Amino acid sequence: MRTDRPRMVGTEITRKCNLACPHCGNAATRKALNELGTREWFDVIDHLVDLGAEWMGWTGGEPLLRDDLEEIIRYAHARGITRTGITTNGILVTETRARSLQAAGVSVMQISIDGSTAERNREIRRATIEDFGAIMNGIRACRAIGLRVDLAMLLSRTTLPDAVPFLQLADRESVKQVRFCGFVPAGRGKGNAVMDRMMFNGSLGELKAFTEQAVCLEEPVAMFDPAVGPTPPAYEFHDCLAGVEMLYISCVGDVYPCTSLIDRRFKVGNLRERTLASIWNDPKMTEIARFPREQIHGYCRECEQFSVCRGACRGVTYSHTGDLYASFPVCLKRVATKAGQQSMSMPQ
């Protein structure tokens, strides 16, 4: 039996969503699937607590479409999981709902927008002008009641020109932290038309120039997820925690080692068929964390940064290439900053 524990747990509470973003990695739908019910989630939480879970992140789909969301979060809080975050598109975040979620135990709300204006957000997410207004009101509602709110934005070839205005928007709204998510060709994002718009296709100079300046900001703090890869100036990458300190549970009970490994190839088991303890102790759970990175081929193995980068995220690499042994495909260390790149007007 293992002695480590899944301190961090990602949960897809529903795949139902009120948007249909073309790049959605979960391929969220307008209809609910055969999703885990309230009592099933209570049982999951009990087993997670037994295994030592400390933090749970609730996502979707759009989690606020679950009528029992507060009930489930309240149960988790009562069982000792006191660190709880929600990832939402923000459209349904009214002050009343924000207060309800805060009372249930939510400590942070991450609101995902893919544009600094209604038109830019519509272009990426197919959200309306009214939706954008509701999102902005939701951000302000969270701040008004003292509920921490972070913003998240997809970084892609199409959205990168709006990244600095997005940081400026966050600054105006007194948001302290922004998470930039790299595009991953998964779910609906596997479509050729979507990939043509989103992929940098080797032209990464502008992205590198942006990250070089964004990582230096004191406020809002700019965070980059594993799909962006190691960022300048250190190009370090964290130790892989997949299946070692974290796991991910889908709305139908499928369990994966990490949110970057949501693919049939990495599914370890289903909670309706096996106990969570047996899934956690399955050797497949730690397969990627224990991956023999010395066998990675290509330019990564020749890079002087390999000892601290270690080839970056294997899940993201697999999504792009279908090869766990391939070099990381969105490496910023390999590209030169675009010649003549001017300093960006970052928030002060």
Protein backbone atom coordinates (compact mmCIF):
# COMPACT_ATOMS: atom_id res chain seq x y z
CA MET A 1 0.00 0.00 0.00
CA ARG A 2 1.15 3.51 -0.78
CA THR A 3 2.02 6.03 1.92
CA ASP A 4 1.63 9.17 -0.21
CA ARG A 5 -1.76 10.83 -0.61
CA PRO A 6 -3.80 12.77 -3.18
CA ARG A 7 -3.62 16.16 -1.48
CA MET A 8 -5.02 17.97 -4.56
CA VAL A 9 -8.10 16.68 -6.34
CA GLY A 10 -9.57 18.03 -9.56
CA THR A 11 -13.22 17.22 -10.15
CA GLU A 12 -15.39 17.60 -13.22
CA ILE A 13 -18.70 18.04 -11.40
CA THR A 14 -20.61 18.20 -14.70
CA ARG A 15 -19.92 18.23 -18.42
CA LYS A 16 -23.00 20.34 -19.04
CA CYS A 17 -22.25 23.91 -20.09
CA ASN A 18 -24.08 27.05 -21.15
CA LEU A 19 -21.38 27.81 -23.72
CA ALA A 20 -19.92 25.75 -26.56
CA CYS A 21 -16.32 26.96 -26.83
CA PRO A 22 -14.70 25.51 -29.98
CA HIS A 23 -11.45 24.82 -28.12
CA CYS A 24 -13.03 23.06 -25.10
CA GLY A 25 -10.71 20.26 -24.03
CA ASN A 26 -13.53 18.48 -22.19
CA ALA A 27 -15.96 18.72 -25.13
CA ALA A 28 -18.65 20.04 -22.77
CA THR A 29 -22.23 19.66 -23.95
CA ARG A 30 -25.64 21.26 -23.47
CA LYS A 31 -26.96 18.05 -21.91
CA ALA A 32 -25.93 16.28 -18.74
CA LEU A 33 -24.43 12.80 -19.06
CA ASN A 34 -24.92 9.85 -16.71
CA GLU A 35 -23.22 11.93 -14.05
CA LEU A 36 -22.41 11.06 -10.45
CA GLY A 37 -25.32 12.08 -8.24
CA THR A 38 -25.26 13.95 -4.95
CA ARG A 39 -24.98 10.83 -2.81
CA GLU A 40 -22.28 9.39 -5.06
CA TRP A 41 -20.23 12.57 -4.66
CA PHE A 42 -20.67 12.32 -0.87
CA ASP A 43 -19.22 8.80 -1.04
CA VAL A 44 -16.34 10.02 -3.23
CA ILE A 45 -15.57 12.77 -0.72
CA ASP A 46 -15.59 10.27 2.16
CA HIS A 47 -13.05 8.10 0.34
CA LEU A 48 -10.92 11.11 -0.58
CA VAL A 49 -10.80 12.21 3.05
CA ASP A 50 -9.77 8.69 4.05
CA LEU A 51 -6.90 8.93 1.55
CA GLY A 52 -5.79 12.33 2.91
CA ALA A 53 -7.15 14.83 0.38
CA GLU A 54 -6.80 18.49 1.43
CA TRP A 55 -7.84 20.59 -1.58
CA MET A 56 -10.58 20.16 -4.17
CA GLY A 57 -11.13 22.11 -7.36
CA TRP A 58 -14.58 21.94 -8.95
CA THR A 59 -14.84 22.45 -12.67
CA GLY A 60 -16.88 21.36 -15.69
CA GLY A 61 -18.50 22.01 -18.05
CA GLU A 62 -20.03 24.80 -16.03
CA PRO A 63 -20.17 23.76 -12.37
CA LEU A 64 -22.73 26.41 -11.43
CA LEU A 65 -25.30 24.52 -13.51
CA ARG A 66 -25.38 21.86 -10.75
CA ASP A 67 -28.24 22.67 -8.40
CA ASP A 68 -26.57 20.60 -5.68
CA LEU A 69 -23.14 22.23 -6.03
CA GLU A 70 -23.31 24.06 -2.70
CA GLU A 71 -24.64 20.94 -0.97
CA ILE A 72 -21.70 18.88 -2.21
CA ILE A 73 -19.11 21.54 -1.37
CA ARG A 74 -20.66 22.05 2.06
CA TYR A 75 -20.35 18.32 2.70
CA ALA A 76 -16.68 18.33 1.64
CA HIS A 77 -16.01 21.30 3.92
CA ALA A 78 -17.69 19.56 6.86
CA ARG A 79 -15.51 16.49 6.22
CA GLY A 80 -12.37 18.60 6.53
CA ILE A 81 -11.60 19.66 2.96
CA THR A 82 -11.43 23.38 3.70
CA ARG A 83 -9.57 24.53 0.60
CA THR A 84 -12.02 24.64 -2.29
CA GLY A 85 -11.90 26.41 -5.64
CA ILE A 86 -14.31 26.67 -8.56
CA THR A 87 -13.46 27.19 -12.22
CA THR A 88 -16.37 28.86 -14.00
CA ASN A 89 -17.11 30.91 -17.11
CA GLY A 90 -18.63 33.47 -14.75
CA ILE A 91 -21.95 34.00 -16.53
CA LEU A 92 -24.00 32.67 -13.60
CA VAL A 93 -21.97 34.36 -10.85
CA THR A 94 -24.41 36.79 -9.25
CA GLU A 95 -23.83 38.29 -5.82
CA THR A 96 -26.48 35.95 -4.39
CA ARG A 97 -24.77 32.87 -5.87
CA ALA A 98 -21.33 34.10 -4.84
CA ARG A 99 -22.53 34.49 -1.24
CA SER A 100 -24.11 31.03 -1.33
CA LEU A 101 -20.90 29.43 -2.59
CA GLN A 102 -18.77 31.32 -0.11
CA ALA A 103 -21.04 30.18 2.73
CA ALA A 104 -20.69 26.59 1.50
CA GLY A 105 -16.91 26.80 1.79
CA VAL A 106 -15.56 28.09 -1.53
CA SER A 107 -12.34 30.03 -0.98
CA VAL A 108 -11.47 31.07 -4.54
CA MET A 109 -13.37 31.55 -7.78
CA GLN A 110 -11.42 31.28 -11.03
CA ILE A 111 -13.33 32.95 -13.85
CA SER A 112 -12.29 32.02 -17.37
CA ILE A 113 -12.59 34.70 -20.03
CA ASP A 114 -10.79 34.68 -23.37
CA GLY A 115 -10.88 38.36 -24.18
CA SER A 116 -10.52 41.78 -22.63
CA THR A 117 -13.67 42.98 -24.42
CA ALA A 118 -17.05 41.46 -25.20
CA GLU A 119 -16.18 41.17 -28.89
CA ARG A 120 -12.86 39.45 -28.29
CA ASN A 121 -14.45 37.05 -25.83
CA ARG A 122 -17.26 36.31 -28.32
CA GLU A 123 -14.73 35.54 -31.04
CA ILE A 124 -13.13 32.79 -28.95
CA ARG A 125 -15.97 31.54 -26.73
CA ARG A 126 -19.08 32.38 -28.75
CA ALA A 127 -20.39 34.29 -25.72
CA THR A 128 -22.73 37.26 -26.18
CA ILE A 129 -22.25 40.88 -25.19
CA GLU A 130 -24.78 40.26 -22.42
CA ASP A 131 -22.73 37.28 -21.24
CA PHE A 132 -19.62 39.47 -20.98
CA GLY A 133 -21.54 42.02 -18.93
CA ALA A 134 -22.73 39.27 -16.59
CA ILE A 135 -19.15 38.01 -16.20
CA MET A 136 -17.86 41.45 -15.27
CA ASN A 137 -20.67 41.85 -12.75
CA GLY A 138 -19.76 38.45 -11.33
CA ILE A 139 -16.13 39.48 -10.87
CA ARG A 140 -17.22 42.59 -9.01
CA ALA A 141 -19.73 40.65 -6.93
CA CYS A 142 -17.00 38.28 -5.70
CA ARG A 143 -14.74 41.16 -4.81
CA ALA A 144 -17.58 42.99 -3.03
CA ILE A 145 -18.11 40.11 -0.59
CA GLY A 146 -14.41 39.39 -0.09
CA LEU A 147 -14.34 36.17 -2.12
CA ARG A 148 -11.02 35.83 -3.90
CA VAL A 149 -11.41 35.89 -7.66
CA ASP A 150 -8.71 34.99 -10.20
CA LEU A 151 -8.99 35.29 -13.96
CA ALA A 152 -7.90 32.76 -16.58
CA MET A 153 -7.28 33.25 -20.28
CA LEU A 154 -6.41 30.89 -23.13
CA LEU A 155 -3.13 31.75 -24.82
CA SER A 156 -3.11 30.96 -28.54
CA ARG A 157 -2.08 32.49 -31.83
CA THR A 158 -5.49 34.19 -31.99
CA THR A 159 -5.63 35.48 -28.41
CA LEU A 160 -2.01 36.49 -27.78
CA PRO A 161 -2.46 40.06 -29.14
CA ASP A 162 -5.07 40.55 -26.40
CA ALA A 163 -2.95 39.20 -23.53
CA VAL A 164 -1.62 42.58 -22.39
CA PRO A 165 -5.07 44.26 -22.54
CA PHE A 166 -6.35 41.29 -20.54
CA LEU A 167 -3.77 41.95 -17.82
CA GLN A 168 -4.77 45.60 -17.86
CA LEU A 169 -8.41 44.56 -17.44
CA ALA A 170 -7.46 42.43 -14.43
CA ASP A 171 -5.54 45.35 -12.97
CA ARG A 172 -8.51 47.71 -13.38
CA GLU A 173 -10.77 45.20 -11.65
CA SER A 174 -8.26 44.74 -8.78
CA VAL A 175 -7.77 41.07 -9.60
CA LYS A 176 -4.51 39.94 -8.06
CA GLN A 177 -3.74 36.85 -10.13
CA VAL A 178 -4.17 35.82 -13.76
CA ARG A 179 -3.66 32.30 -15.06
CA PHE A 180 -2.66 31.92 -18.70
CA CYS A 181 -3.58 28.53 -20.15
CA GLY A 182 -1.84 27.14 -23.21
CA PHE A 183 -3.91 25.65 -26.00
CA VAL A 184 -4.06 21.84 -25.95
CA PRO A 185 -5.56 19.93 -28.93
CA ALA A 186 -8.02 17.82 -26.95
CA GLY A 187 -11.79 17.40 -26.93
CA ARG A 188 -13.34 19.79 -29.45
CA GLY A 189 -9.92 21.38 -29.73
CA LYS A 190 -8.81 18.50 -31.95
CA GLY A 191 -10.73 19.92 -34.89
CA ASN A 192 -8.54 21.10 -37.77
CA ALA A 193 -10.25 24.50 -38.02
CA VAL A 194 -9.74 25.13 -34.30
CA MET A 195 -6.11 24.04 -34.41
CA ASP A 196 -5.42 26.30 -37.38
CA ARG A 197 -6.59 29.29 -35.35
CA MET A 198 -5.04 28.35 -32.03
CA MET A 199 -1.70 26.68 -32.72
CA PHE A 200 1.43 28.81 -32.89
CA ASN A 201 2.84 26.39 -35.47
CA GLY A 202 6.43 27.10 -34.56
CA SER A 203 6.04 30.87 -34.46
CA LEU A 204 6.63 31.32 -30.75
CA GLY A 205 8.68 34.52 -30.68
CA GLU A 206 5.76 36.75 -29.68
CA LEU A 207 4.70 34.32 -26.96
CA LYS A 208 8.20 34.27 -25.54
CA ALA A 209 8.39 38.07 -25.59
CA PHE A 210 5.11 38.27 -23.69
CA THR A 211 6.08 35.71 -21.05
CA GLU A 212 9.46 37.40 -20.50
CA GLN A 213 7.70 40.54 -19.36
CA ALA A 214 4.61 39.02 -17.76
CA VAL A 215 6.56 36.80 -15.34
CA CYS A 216 8.15 39.94 -13.88
CA LEU A 217 4.85 41.54 -12.88
CA GLU A 218 4.25 42.00 -9.18
CA GLU A 219 0.53 42.64 -9.65
CA PRO A 220 -1.43 41.11 -11.10
CA VAL A 221 0.70 38.00 -10.79
CA ALA A 222 0.83 36.14 -14.12
CA MET A 223 0.81 32.36 -13.79
CA PHE A 224 1.37 29.98 -16.72
CA ASP A 225 -0.06 26.47 -16.83
CA PRO A 226 1.80 23.32 -17.99
CA ALA A 227 0.61 23.69 -21.59
CA VAL A 228 2.70 26.86 -21.96
CA GLY A 229 5.71 25.01 -20.62
CA PRO A 230 8.72 26.30 -18.69
CA THR A 231 8.90 30.08 -18.94
CA PRO A 232 11.85 32.49 -18.93
CA PRO A 233 14.17 33.31 -17.38
CA ALA A 234 14.76 30.07 -15.43
CA TYR A 235 12.89 27.61 -17.68
CA GLU A 236 12.39 25.36 -14.69
CA PHE A 237 9.50 22.91 -14.52
CA HIS A 238 7.91 21.45 -11.41
CA ASP A 239 8.22 17.82 -10.41
CA CYS A 240 5.36 15.80 -11.89
CA LEU A 241 2.71 15.22 -9.21
CA ALA A 242 0.36 13.19 -11.42
CA GLY A 243 -0.98 10.29 -9.41
CA VAL A 244 1.48 11.07 -6.62
CA GLU A 245 -0.08 14.09 -4.91
CA MET A 246 -3.07 14.66 -7.16
CA LEU A 247 -5.76 13.00 -9.23
CA TYR A 248 -8.71 13.96 -11.41
CA ILE A 249 -12.27 12.59 -11.32
CA SER A 250 -14.64 13.01 -14.27
CA CYS A 251 -18.37 13.59 -13.94
CA VAL A 252 -19.07 9.92 -14.75
CA GLY A 253 -16.52 8.59 -12.24
CA ASP A 254 -13.49 8.00 -14.45
CA VAL A 255 -10.24 8.61 -12.57
CA TYR A 256 -7.05 9.99 -14.12
CA PRO A 257 -3.70 10.92 -12.54
CA CYS A 258 -3.91 14.58 -13.53
CA THR A 259 -5.90 17.24 -15.42
CA SER A 260 -3.23 17.09 -18.14
CA LEU A 261 -3.84 13.37 -18.64
CA ILE A 262 -7.55 13.26 -19.52
CA ASP A 263 -7.32 10.69 -22.27
CA ARG A 264 -8.40 7.06 -22.53
CA ARG A 265 -4.72 6.15 -22.63
CA PHE A 266 -4.31 7.36 -19.02
CA LYS A 267 -7.61 6.33 -17.42
CA VAL A 268 -6.89 4.24 -14.33
CA GLY A 269 -10.39 3.14 -13.36
CA ASN A 270 -14.00 4.09 -12.71
CA LEU A 271 -15.51 4.71 -9.29
CA ARG A 272 -18.68 2.83 -10.18
CA GLU A 273 -16.61 -0.27 -10.85
CA ARG A 274 -13.72 -0.05 -8.36
CA THR A 275 -13.02 1.57 -5.00
CA LEU A 276 -11.05 4.79 -4.99
CA ALA A 277 -8.41 3.17 -2.78
CA SER A 278 -7.82 0.38 -5.31
CA ILE A 279 -7.55 2.93 -8.12
CA TRP A 280 -5.14 5.09 -6.12
CA ASN A 281 -2.95 2.07 -5.43
CA ASP A 282 -2.97 0.91 -9.07
CA PRO A 283 0.57 1.14 -10.55
CA LYS A 284 -0.88 2.91 -13.59
CA MET A 285 -1.66 5.90 -11.36
CA THR A 286 2.04 6.81 -11.06
CA GLU A 287 3.08 5.78 -14.57
CA ILE A 288 3.66 9.32 -15.84
CA ALA A 289 5.17 10.70 -12.64
CA ARG A 290 7.72 7.88 -12.79
CA PHE A 291 8.19 8.23 -16.55
CA PRO A 292 11.79 7.52 -17.67
CA ARG A 293 12.58 10.99 -18.96
CA GLU A 294 16.09 9.99 -19.90
CA GLN A 295 14.42 8.16 -22.82
CA ILE A 296 12.85 11.32 -24.25
CA HIS A 297 14.15 11.80 -27.78
CA GLY A 298 14.79 14.86 -29.93
CA TYR A 299 15.97 18.34 -29.04
CA CYS A 300 14.96 18.14 -25.36
CA ARG A 301 17.71 15.63 -24.61
CA GLU A 302 20.33 17.88 -26.18
CA CYS A 303 19.25 21.01 -24.25
CA GLU A 304 21.40 22.32 -21.41
CA GLN A 305 18.16 23.11 -19.56
CA PHE A 306 17.02 19.47 -19.46
CA SER A 307 18.20 18.90 -15.88
CA VAL A 308 15.68 21.46 -14.55
CA CYS A 309 13.01 21.20 -17.26
CA ARG A 310 13.07 17.40 -17.74
CA GLY A 311 11.14 17.66 -20.98
CA ALA A 312 8.17 19.51 -19.38
CA CYS A 313 4.63 18.08 -19.20
CA ARG A 314 4.27 14.62 -20.73
CA GLY A 315 0.47 14.91 -20.89
CA VAL A 316 0.62 18.07 -22.98
CA THR A 317 3.32 16.51 -25.14
CA TYR A 318 1.13 13.46 -25.76
CA SER A 319 -1.88 15.62 -26.69
CA HIS A 320 0.19 17.42 -29.32
CA THR A 321 2.20 14.51 -30.68
CA GLY A 322 0.66 11.18 -29.60
CA ASP A 323 4.15 10.21 -28.38
CA LEU A 324 5.09 10.22 -24.70
CA TYR A 325 8.77 10.14 -25.65
CA ALA A 326 8.65 13.19 -27.92
CA SER A 327 10.27 16.51 -27.06
CA PHE A 328 7.99 19.19 -25.63
CA PRO A 329 6.38 20.82 -28.70
CA VAL A 330 5.85 24.36 -27.38
CA CYS A 331 9.32 25.02 -25.99
CA LEU A 332 10.09 28.73 -25.54
CA LYS A 333 13.74 28.09 -24.74
CA ARG A 334 14.42 27.10 -28.36
CA VAL A 335 13.09 30.30 -29.95
CA ALA A 336 14.60 33.73 -30.16
CA THR A 337 12.63 36.75 -29.05
CA LYS A 338 11.13 38.38 -32.13
CA ALA A 339 13.57 40.90 -33.59
CA GLY A 340 12.58 44.47 -32.88
CA GLN A 341 10.01 43.43 -30.26
CA GLN A 342 8.97 46.54 -28.42
CA SER A 343 8.34 46.73 -24.70
CA MET A 344 4.69 46.06 -23.90
CA SER A 345 2.59 48.44 -21.84
CA MET A 346 2.12 46.19 -18.85
CA PRO A 347 0.14 47.18 -15.76
CA GLN A 348 2.24 49.24 -13.36
